[in-house]
Amino acid sequence: MSIASNIKGIAKGMSITLGEMFQPTEVENYPDGPGPTRGAVLQERFRGAHVLQRDENGLEKCVACFLCAAACPANCIYIEAAENTAEKRISSAERYAKVYNIDYNRCIFCGYCVEACPTDAITHGHGFELASLNATTLVMRKEDMLVKNVGLPGAVASGADSVK
């Protein structure tokens, strides 16, 4: 290549840069915006923090089948199963997840756990503020991820973010 063609290419690139430099800046109104996402614009297929769903009766959908933990390539899901009793119904199946932890230090948000779940118990929500200076706070427990149990008499609400 000749020196003239190199200078021509550099001049063209610099002209595009100079032209964009004087255009108005477009920004999102995060963190001061309205709503639960505070002005951030998220696509429908955005994979945010995991959410554990409930069925129409308010029972947990997770039946502790361990398929999500088996499908996880990062090995970040830990589950302990327990049996349902007639007096204490947690899920509609025989078992429920007594312990359900996701370690966000290791999670790569691939979505394999969501695809593997036969009961659609785990989904990706739109929670995106997961940063922390303490690694122990990035281990989300079942109580943190479970959708609030609203509208059912005598139901105990959990503190999960149910924005979907």
N, C-alpha and C. Protein backbone atom coordinates (compact mmCIF):
# COMPACT_ATOMS: atom_id res chain seq x y z
N MET A 1 0.84 -1.18 0.00
CA MET A 1 0.00 0.00 0.00
C MET A 1 0.88 1.24 0.00
N SER A 2 0.38 2.24 -0.65
CA SER A 2 1.15 3.47 -0.70
C SER A 2 0.85 4.35 0.50
N ILE A 3 1.71 5.29 0.72
CA ILE A 3 1.55 6.22 1.85
C ILE A 3 0.30 7.08 1.65
N ALA A 4 -0.01 7.43 0.41
CA ALA A 4 -1.17 8.27 0.12
C ALA A 4 -2.47 7.55 0.51
N SER A 5 -2.58 6.24 0.22
CA SER A 5 -3.81 5.52 0.57
C SER A 5 -3.93 5.34 2.09
N ASN A 6 -2.78 5.19 2.78
CA ASN A 6 -2.82 5.11 4.24
C ASN A 6 -3.29 6.43 4.85
N ILE A 7 -2.79 7.54 4.34
CA ILE A 7 -3.20 8.86 4.84
C ILE A 7 -4.67 9.09 4.54
N LYS A 8 -5.13 8.65 3.37
CA LYS A 8 -6.54 8.79 3.00
C LYS A 8 -7.43 8.01 3.97
N GLY A 9 -7.05 6.78 4.33
CA GLY A 9 -7.82 5.97 5.28
C GLY A 9 -7.87 6.59 6.67
N ILE A 10 -6.73 7.12 7.12
CA ILE A 10 -6.68 7.77 8.43
C ILE A 10 -7.54 9.03 8.42
N ALA A 11 -7.49 9.80 7.35
CA ALA A 11 -8.29 11.03 7.26
C ALA A 11 -9.78 10.71 7.27
N LYS A 12 -10.18 9.63 6.59
CA LYS A 12 -11.59 9.24 6.58
C LYS A 12 -12.05 8.84 7.99
N GLY A 13 -11.22 8.07 8.68
CA GLY A 13 -11.57 7.67 10.05
C GLY A 13 -11.65 8.85 10.99
N MET A 14 -10.74 9.78 10.88
CA MET A 14 -10.75 10.97 11.73
C MET A 14 -11.95 11.86 11.43
N SER A 15 -12.38 11.91 10.15
CA SER A 15 -13.55 12.73 9.81
C SER A 15 -14.82 12.15 10.44
N ILE A 16 -14.93 10.84 10.49
CA ILE A 16 -16.08 10.21 11.14
C ILE A 16 -16.05 10.50 12.64
N THR A 17 -14.86 10.41 13.25
CA THR A 17 -14.72 10.68 14.68
C THR A 17 -15.07 12.13 14.99
N LEU A 18 -14.58 13.06 14.20
CA LEU A 18 -14.88 14.47 14.43
C LEU A 18 -16.37 14.77 14.23
N GLY A 19 -16.99 14.11 13.26
CA GLY A 19 -18.41 14.31 13.02
C GLY A 19 -19.26 13.82 14.18
N GLU A 20 -18.90 12.68 14.78
CA GLU A 20 -19.63 12.14 15.92
C GLU A 20 -19.37 12.91 17.20
N MET A 21 -18.24 13.57 17.28
CA MET A 21 -17.87 14.29 18.50
C MET A 21 -18.83 15.44 18.79
N PHE A 22 -19.40 16.03 17.77
CA PHE A 22 -20.27 17.18 17.98
C PHE A 22 -21.75 16.83 17.97
N GLN A 23 -22.09 15.55 17.92
CA GLN A 23 -23.48 15.10 18.03
C GLN A 23 -23.89 15.10 19.49
N PRO A 24 -25.19 15.30 19.79
CA PRO A 24 -25.63 15.27 21.20
C PRO A 24 -25.48 13.86 21.79
N THR A 25 -25.17 13.80 23.07
CA THR A 25 -24.98 12.54 23.77
C THR A 25 -26.32 11.95 24.15
N GLU A 26 -26.49 10.64 23.94
CA GLU A 26 -27.71 9.95 24.32
C GLU A 26 -27.39 9.07 25.51
N VAL A 27 -28.09 9.30 26.63
CA VAL A 27 -27.87 8.53 27.85
C VAL A 27 -29.19 8.03 28.39
N GLU A 28 -29.13 6.94 29.18
CA GLU A 28 -30.30 6.46 29.89
C GLU A 28 -30.33 7.13 31.26
N ASN A 29 -31.52 7.28 31.80
CA ASN A 29 -31.68 8.00 33.06
C ASN A 29 -31.55 7.05 34.25
N TYR A 30 -30.50 6.27 34.28
CA TYR A 30 -30.24 5.39 35.41
C TYR A 30 -29.20 6.06 36.28
N PRO A 31 -29.29 6.11 37.50
CA PRO A 31 -30.09 5.55 38.59
C PRO A 31 -31.21 6.46 39.09
N ASP A 32 -31.53 7.54 38.36
CA ASP A 32 -32.52 8.48 38.86
C ASP A 32 -33.88 8.34 38.19
N GLY A 33 -34.07 7.33 37.38
CA GLY A 33 -35.31 7.18 36.64
C GLY A 33 -36.42 6.56 37.47
N PRO A 34 -37.64 6.53 36.90
CA PRO A 34 -38.80 5.97 37.60
C PRO A 34 -38.87 4.45 37.48
N GLY A 35 -39.68 3.84 38.31
CA GLY A 35 -39.96 2.41 38.23
C GLY A 35 -38.93 1.54 38.90
N PRO A 36 -39.16 0.21 38.87
CA PRO A 36 -38.26 -0.72 39.55
C PRO A 36 -36.88 -0.79 38.90
N THR A 37 -36.78 -0.52 37.60
CA THR A 37 -35.47 -0.54 36.96
C THR A 37 -34.82 0.82 36.96
N ARG A 38 -35.47 1.81 37.53
CA ARG A 38 -34.95 3.17 37.72
C ARG A 38 -34.41 3.77 36.44
N GLY A 39 -35.16 3.63 35.36
CA GLY A 39 -34.79 4.26 34.10
C GLY A 39 -33.97 3.41 33.17
N ALA A 40 -33.44 2.30 33.61
CA ALA A 40 -32.66 1.43 32.73
C ALA A 40 -33.59 0.74 31.75
N VAL A 41 -33.19 0.65 30.52
CA VAL A 41 -33.99 0.01 29.48
C VAL A 41 -33.44 -1.39 29.25
N LEU A 42 -34.25 -2.41 29.53
CA LEU A 42 -33.83 -3.81 29.39
C LEU A 42 -34.60 -4.48 28.26
N GLN A 43 -33.92 -5.31 27.52
CA GLN A 43 -34.58 -6.08 26.48
C GLN A 43 -35.40 -7.21 27.11
N GLU A 44 -36.38 -7.71 26.39
CA GLU A 44 -37.25 -8.76 26.92
C GLU A 44 -36.47 -10.03 27.28
N ARG A 45 -35.46 -10.36 26.50
CA ARG A 45 -34.71 -11.59 26.74
C ARG A 45 -33.51 -11.41 27.66
N PHE A 46 -33.44 -10.29 28.36
CA PHE A 46 -32.34 -10.02 29.28
C PHE A 46 -32.29 -11.07 30.37
N ARG A 47 -31.11 -11.59 30.67
CA ARG A 47 -30.94 -12.62 31.70
C ARG A 47 -30.37 -11.97 32.95
N GLY A 48 -31.25 -11.66 33.87
CA GLY A 48 -30.83 -11.04 35.13
C GLY A 48 -30.81 -12.06 36.25
N ALA A 49 -30.96 -11.57 37.45
CA ALA A 49 -30.94 -12.44 38.63
C ALA A 49 -32.07 -13.47 38.55
N HIS A 50 -31.80 -14.66 39.04
CA HIS A 50 -32.78 -15.75 38.99
C HIS A 50 -33.94 -15.50 39.93
N VAL A 51 -35.11 -16.01 39.55
CA VAL A 51 -36.32 -15.90 40.34
C VAL A 51 -36.94 -17.29 40.45
N LEU A 52 -37.28 -17.71 41.67
CA LEU A 52 -37.98 -18.97 41.89
C LEU A 52 -39.48 -18.68 41.91
N GLN A 53 -40.21 -19.35 41.07
CA GLN A 53 -41.64 -19.07 40.88
C GLN A 53 -42.52 -19.91 41.80
N ARG A 54 -43.74 -19.45 41.96
CA ARG A 54 -44.79 -20.17 42.70
C ARG A 54 -45.90 -20.55 41.73
N ASP A 55 -46.69 -21.58 42.09
CA ASP A 55 -47.83 -21.94 41.25
C ASP A 55 -49.04 -21.09 41.62
N GLU A 56 -50.17 -21.37 41.01
CA GLU A 56 -51.37 -20.55 41.24
C GLU A 56 -51.93 -20.70 42.65
N ASN A 57 -51.55 -21.75 43.38
CA ASN A 57 -51.99 -21.94 44.76
C ASN A 57 -51.04 -21.32 45.78
N GLY A 58 -49.95 -20.73 45.31
CA GLY A 58 -48.97 -20.12 46.21
C GLY A 58 -47.89 -21.07 46.68
N LEU A 59 -47.92 -22.32 46.20
CA LEU A 59 -46.89 -23.29 46.57
C LEU A 59 -45.68 -23.13 45.64
N GLU A 60 -44.52 -23.52 46.14
CA GLU A 60 -43.31 -23.42 45.33
C GLU A 60 -43.38 -24.41 44.17
N LYS A 61 -42.91 -23.98 43.01
CA LYS A 61 -42.90 -24.86 41.85
C LYS A 61 -41.73 -25.84 41.87
N CYS A 62 -40.66 -25.51 42.57
CA CYS A 62 -39.47 -26.36 42.58
C CYS A 62 -39.77 -27.68 43.30
N VAL A 63 -39.48 -28.78 42.61
CA VAL A 63 -39.72 -30.12 43.17
C VAL A 63 -38.41 -30.83 43.50
N ALA A 64 -37.32 -30.08 43.54
CA ALA A 64 -35.99 -30.60 43.90
C ALA A 64 -35.61 -31.80 43.04
N CYS A 65 -35.69 -31.64 41.73
CA CYS A 65 -35.31 -32.72 40.81
C CYS A 65 -33.83 -32.68 40.46
N PHE A 66 -33.14 -31.61 40.79
CA PHE A 66 -31.70 -31.44 40.59
C PHE A 66 -31.30 -31.33 39.12
N LEU A 67 -32.24 -31.15 38.21
CA LEU A 67 -31.89 -31.03 36.79
C LEU A 67 -31.19 -29.71 36.51
N CYS A 68 -31.58 -28.64 37.20
CA CYS A 68 -30.91 -27.35 36.99
C CYS A 68 -29.46 -27.41 37.45
N ALA A 69 -29.21 -28.06 38.57
CA ALA A 69 -27.84 -28.19 39.08
C ALA A 69 -27.01 -29.08 38.15
N ALA A 70 -27.63 -30.10 37.57
CA ALA A 70 -26.90 -30.98 36.65
C ALA A 70 -26.59 -30.28 35.33
N ALA A 71 -27.47 -29.38 34.89
CA ALA A 71 -27.27 -28.68 33.62
C ALA A 71 -26.30 -27.52 33.73
N CYS A 72 -26.03 -27.05 34.93
CA CYS A 72 -25.20 -25.86 35.13
C CYS A 72 -23.73 -26.14 34.81
N PRO A 73 -23.16 -25.47 33.79
CA PRO A 73 -21.76 -25.72 33.46
C PRO A 73 -20.79 -25.11 34.48
N ALA A 74 -21.23 -24.13 35.25
CA ALA A 74 -20.36 -23.48 36.24
C ALA A 74 -20.45 -24.14 37.61
N ASN A 75 -21.37 -25.09 37.76
CA ASN A 75 -21.56 -25.80 39.02
C ASN A 75 -21.82 -24.83 40.18
N CYS A 76 -22.73 -23.89 39.96
CA CYS A 76 -22.97 -22.86 40.98
C CYS A 76 -24.29 -23.04 41.72
N ILE A 77 -25.07 -24.07 41.39
CA ILE A 77 -26.36 -24.30 42.04
C ILE A 77 -26.23 -25.43 43.04
N TYR A 78 -26.67 -25.17 44.27
CA TYR A 78 -26.64 -26.17 45.34
C TYR A 78 -28.06 -26.37 45.86
N ILE A 79 -28.51 -27.61 45.89
CA ILE A 79 -29.88 -27.93 46.31
C ILE A 79 -29.84 -29.03 47.35
N GLU A 80 -30.66 -28.89 48.39
CA GLU A 80 -30.94 -29.97 49.33
C GLU A 80 -32.44 -30.22 49.30
N ALA A 81 -32.83 -31.47 49.14
CA ALA A 81 -34.24 -31.82 49.05
C ALA A 81 -34.77 -32.25 50.40
N ALA A 82 -36.08 -32.08 50.58
CA ALA A 82 -36.79 -32.55 51.77
C ALA A 82 -38.16 -33.05 51.32
N GLU A 83 -38.75 -33.91 52.15
CA GLU A 83 -40.05 -34.49 51.82
C GLU A 83 -41.19 -33.59 52.32
N ASN A 84 -42.22 -33.45 51.50
CA ASN A 84 -43.44 -32.76 51.93
C ASN A 84 -44.23 -33.68 52.86
N THR A 85 -44.90 -33.09 53.83
CA THR A 85 -45.80 -33.84 54.69
C THR A 85 -47.21 -33.30 54.52
N ALA A 86 -48.19 -34.02 55.05
CA ALA A 86 -49.57 -33.58 54.93
C ALA A 86 -49.80 -32.29 55.71
N GLU A 87 -49.10 -32.12 56.84
CA GLU A 87 -49.28 -30.91 57.66
C GLU A 87 -48.53 -29.73 57.08
N LYS A 88 -47.39 -29.99 56.48
CA LYS A 88 -46.54 -28.91 55.98
C LYS A 88 -46.30 -29.09 54.49
N ARG A 89 -47.10 -28.40 53.68
CA ARG A 89 -47.00 -28.48 52.23
C ARG A 89 -46.19 -27.29 51.74
N ILE A 90 -45.05 -27.52 51.12
CA ILE A 90 -44.23 -26.46 50.56
C ILE A 90 -44.41 -26.41 49.05
N SER A 91 -44.43 -27.58 48.41
CA SER A 91 -44.67 -27.66 46.97
C SER A 91 -45.77 -28.68 46.72
N SER A 92 -46.22 -28.75 45.48
CA SER A 92 -47.32 -29.66 45.17
C SER A 92 -46.84 -31.08 44.92
N ALA A 93 -45.55 -31.31 44.87
CA ALA A 93 -45.01 -32.65 44.61
C ALA A 93 -44.62 -33.33 45.93
N GLU A 94 -43.97 -34.48 45.82
CA GLU A 94 -43.53 -35.21 47.01
C GLU A 94 -42.39 -34.52 47.73
N ARG A 95 -41.50 -33.88 46.96
CA ARG A 95 -40.34 -33.22 47.55
C ARG A 95 -40.37 -31.73 47.27
N TYR A 96 -39.55 -31.02 48.00
CA TYR A 96 -39.33 -29.60 47.75
C TYR A 96 -37.87 -29.28 48.04
N ALA A 97 -37.43 -28.13 47.60
CA ALA A 97 -36.05 -27.71 47.83
C ALA A 97 -35.96 -27.04 49.19
N LYS A 98 -35.40 -27.75 50.16
CA LYS A 98 -35.21 -27.19 51.49
C LYS A 98 -34.15 -26.09 51.43
N VAL A 99 -33.09 -26.34 50.69
CA VAL A 99 -32.03 -25.36 50.46
C VAL A 99 -31.85 -25.21 48.95
N TYR A 100 -31.87 -23.97 48.48
CA TYR A 100 -31.64 -23.69 47.06
C TYR A 100 -30.75 -22.46 46.99
N ASN A 101 -29.48 -22.67 46.67
CA ASN A 101 -28.51 -21.57 46.62
C ASN A 101 -27.93 -21.45 45.22
N ILE A 102 -27.72 -20.22 44.78
CA ILE A 102 -27.00 -19.95 43.55
C ILE A 102 -25.84 -19.04 43.90
N ASP A 103 -24.65 -19.45 43.55
CA ASP A 103 -23.45 -18.67 43.81
C ASP A 103 -23.17 -17.79 42.60
N TYR A 104 -23.48 -16.49 42.71
CA TYR A 104 -23.28 -15.57 41.60
C TYR A 104 -21.81 -15.21 41.39
N ASN A 105 -20.93 -15.67 42.26
CA ASN A 105 -19.51 -15.54 41.99
C ASN A 105 -19.10 -16.44 40.82
N ARG A 106 -19.86 -17.51 40.61
CA ARG A 106 -19.53 -18.48 39.57
C ARG A 106 -20.50 -18.47 38.41
N CYS A 107 -21.71 -17.97 38.61
CA CYS A 107 -22.77 -18.04 37.58
C CYS A 107 -22.37 -17.26 36.33
N ILE A 108 -22.60 -17.85 35.17
CA ILE A 108 -22.28 -17.19 33.91
C ILE A 108 -23.55 -16.78 33.15
N PHE A 109 -24.71 -16.90 33.77
CA PHE A 109 -26.00 -16.49 33.21
C PHE A 109 -26.24 -17.10 31.83
N CYS A 110 -25.95 -18.37 31.70
CA CYS A 110 -26.10 -19.06 30.42
C CYS A 110 -27.55 -19.43 30.13
N GLY A 111 -28.36 -19.62 31.18
CA GLY A 111 -29.76 -19.97 30.99
C GLY A 111 -30.02 -21.46 30.90
N TYR A 112 -29.00 -22.30 31.05
CA TYR A 112 -29.21 -23.75 30.99
C TYR A 112 -30.10 -24.24 32.12
N CYS A 113 -30.01 -23.64 33.29
CA CYS A 113 -30.84 -24.05 34.42
C CYS A 113 -32.32 -23.77 34.12
N VAL A 114 -32.59 -22.65 33.47
CA VAL A 114 -33.97 -22.29 33.12
C VAL A 114 -34.52 -23.27 32.09
N GLU A 115 -33.70 -23.62 31.12
CA GLU A 115 -34.15 -24.56 30.08
C GLU A 115 -34.33 -25.97 30.62
N ALA A 116 -33.54 -26.36 31.61
CA ALA A 116 -33.58 -27.73 32.13
C ALA A 116 -34.75 -27.96 33.08
N CYS A 117 -35.31 -26.91 33.67
CA CYS A 117 -36.34 -27.07 34.69
C CYS A 117 -37.65 -27.56 34.08
N PRO A 118 -38.13 -28.75 34.49
CA PRO A 118 -39.37 -29.28 33.91
C PRO A 118 -40.63 -28.58 34.42
N THR A 119 -40.56 -27.90 35.56
CA THR A 119 -41.74 -27.25 36.13
C THR A 119 -41.73 -25.73 35.96
N ASP A 120 -40.76 -25.19 35.24
CA ASP A 120 -40.60 -23.74 35.07
C ASP A 120 -40.50 -23.03 36.40
N ALA A 121 -39.83 -23.65 37.35
CA ALA A 121 -39.70 -23.08 38.68
C ALA A 121 -38.66 -21.98 38.73
N ILE A 122 -37.61 -22.08 37.95
CA ILE A 122 -36.57 -21.06 37.96
C ILE A 122 -36.59 -20.32 36.63
N THR A 123 -36.56 -19.00 36.71
CA THR A 123 -36.54 -18.15 35.53
C THR A 123 -35.52 -17.05 35.75
N HIS A 124 -35.20 -16.37 34.67
CA HIS A 124 -34.35 -15.19 34.79
C HIS A 124 -35.25 -13.97 34.95
N GLY A 125 -35.03 -13.21 35.99
CA GLY A 125 -35.75 -11.97 36.18
C GLY A 125 -35.00 -10.83 35.53
N HIS A 126 -35.38 -9.61 35.87
CA HIS A 126 -34.70 -8.45 35.32
C HIS A 126 -33.86 -7.73 36.36
N GLY A 127 -33.53 -8.42 37.46
CA GLY A 127 -32.66 -7.82 38.46
C GLY A 127 -31.24 -7.76 37.94
N PHE A 128 -30.65 -6.57 37.95
CA PHE A 128 -29.32 -6.43 37.37
C PHE A 128 -28.31 -5.81 38.33
N GLU A 129 -28.73 -5.41 39.50
CA GLU A 129 -27.80 -4.80 40.44
C GLU A 129 -27.26 -5.88 41.38
N LEU A 130 -26.25 -6.58 40.94
CA LEU A 130 -25.70 -7.70 41.70
C LEU A 130 -24.30 -7.42 42.22
N ALA A 131 -23.76 -6.25 41.94
CA ALA A 131 -22.38 -5.96 42.34
C ALA A 131 -22.27 -5.87 43.87
N SER A 132 -21.14 -6.34 44.38
CA SER A 132 -20.90 -6.31 45.81
C SER A 132 -19.41 -6.31 46.08
N LEU A 133 -19.01 -5.71 47.18
CA LEU A 133 -17.62 -5.73 47.58
C LEU A 133 -17.30 -6.95 48.45
N ASN A 134 -18.35 -7.66 48.88
CA ASN A 134 -18.18 -8.83 49.73
C ASN A 134 -18.69 -10.06 48.97
N ALA A 135 -17.83 -11.01 48.71
CA ALA A 135 -18.19 -12.18 47.90
C ALA A 135 -19.24 -13.05 48.57
N THR A 136 -19.36 -13.01 49.88
CA THR A 136 -20.34 -13.86 50.56
C THR A 136 -21.77 -13.37 50.32
N THR A 137 -21.95 -12.12 49.97
CA THR A 137 -23.30 -11.62 49.69
C THR A 137 -23.77 -12.01 48.30
N LEU A 138 -22.91 -12.59 47.49
CA LEU A 138 -23.29 -13.01 46.14
C LEU A 138 -23.81 -14.44 46.10
N VAL A 139 -23.95 -15.08 47.24
CA VAL A 139 -24.59 -16.39 47.30
C VAL A 139 -26.06 -16.13 47.64
N MET A 140 -26.92 -16.28 46.63
CA MET A 140 -28.35 -16.02 46.81
C MET A 140 -29.03 -17.28 47.31
N ARG A 141 -29.82 -17.13 48.35
CA ARG A 141 -30.54 -18.25 48.93
C ARG A 141 -31.98 -18.28 48.42
N LYS A 142 -32.64 -19.35 48.71
CA LYS A 142 -34.01 -19.56 48.26
C LYS A 142 -34.91 -18.39 48.68
N GLU A 143 -34.74 -17.91 49.90
CA GLU A 143 -35.57 -16.82 50.41
C GLU A 143 -35.35 -15.53 49.64
N ASP A 144 -34.14 -15.34 49.10
CA ASP A 144 -33.84 -14.14 48.33
C ASP A 144 -34.43 -14.19 46.93
N MET A 145 -34.60 -15.39 46.38
CA MET A 145 -35.03 -15.54 45.00
C MET A 145 -36.52 -15.84 44.85
N LEU A 146 -37.18 -16.28 45.90
CA LEU A 146 -38.57 -16.73 45.81
C LEU A 146 -39.52 -15.56 45.60
N VAL A 147 -40.46 -15.73 44.67
CA VAL A 147 -41.45 -14.70 44.38
C VAL A 147 -42.33 -14.51 45.61
N LYS A 148 -42.71 -13.28 45.86
CA LYS A 148 -43.57 -13.00 47.01
C LYS A 148 -44.89 -13.74 46.89
N ASN A 149 -45.38 -14.21 48.00
CA ASN A 149 -46.64 -14.94 48.05
C ASN A 149 -47.73 -13.95 48.43
N VAL A 150 -48.36 -13.35 47.43
CA VAL A 150 -49.35 -12.31 47.69
C VAL A 150 -50.75 -12.80 47.38
N GLY A 151 -51.69 -12.28 48.12
CA GLY A 151 -53.08 -12.56 47.82
C GLY A 151 -53.66 -13.81 48.46
N LEU A 152 -52.86 -14.61 49.11
CA LEU A 152 -53.38 -15.82 49.72
C LEU A 152 -53.51 -15.62 51.22
N PRO A 153 -54.64 -16.00 51.80
CA PRO A 153 -54.82 -15.81 53.24
C PRO A 153 -53.86 -16.67 54.05
N GLY A 154 -53.23 -16.06 55.05
CA GLY A 154 -52.33 -16.79 55.92
C GLY A 154 -50.98 -17.08 55.30
N ALA A 155 -50.71 -16.52 54.14
CA ALA A 155 -49.44 -16.80 53.46
C ALA A 155 -48.36 -15.88 53.98
N VAL A 156 -47.18 -16.43 54.10
CA VAL A 156 -46.03 -15.65 54.54
C VAL A 156 -45.29 -15.17 53.31
N ALA A 157 -45.10 -13.86 53.18
CA ALA A 157 -44.43 -13.30 52.02
C ALA A 157 -42.93 -13.35 52.22
N SER A 158 -42.23 -13.68 51.15
CA SER A 158 -40.76 -13.64 51.21
C SER A 158 -40.30 -12.37 50.53
N GLY A 159 -39.03 -12.03 50.69
CA GLY A 159 -38.54 -10.74 50.22
C GLY A 159 -37.86 -10.79 48.86
N ALA A 160 -38.35 -11.58 47.90
CA ALA A 160 -37.69 -11.67 46.60
C ALA A 160 -38.21 -10.58 45.67
N ASP A 161 -37.38 -10.21 44.71
CA ASP A 161 -37.75 -9.24 43.70
C ASP A 161 -38.48 -10.00 42.60
N SER A 162 -39.76 -9.74 42.41
CA SER A 162 -40.53 -10.50 41.46
C SER A 162 -40.68 -9.77 40.14
N VAL A 163 -39.83 -8.83 39.84
CA VAL A 163 -39.88 -8.13 38.56
C VAL A 163 -39.42 -9.09 37.50
N LYS A 164 -40.24 -9.25 36.49
CA LYS A 164 -39.91 -10.24 35.47
C LYS A 164 -39.85 -9.64 34.11
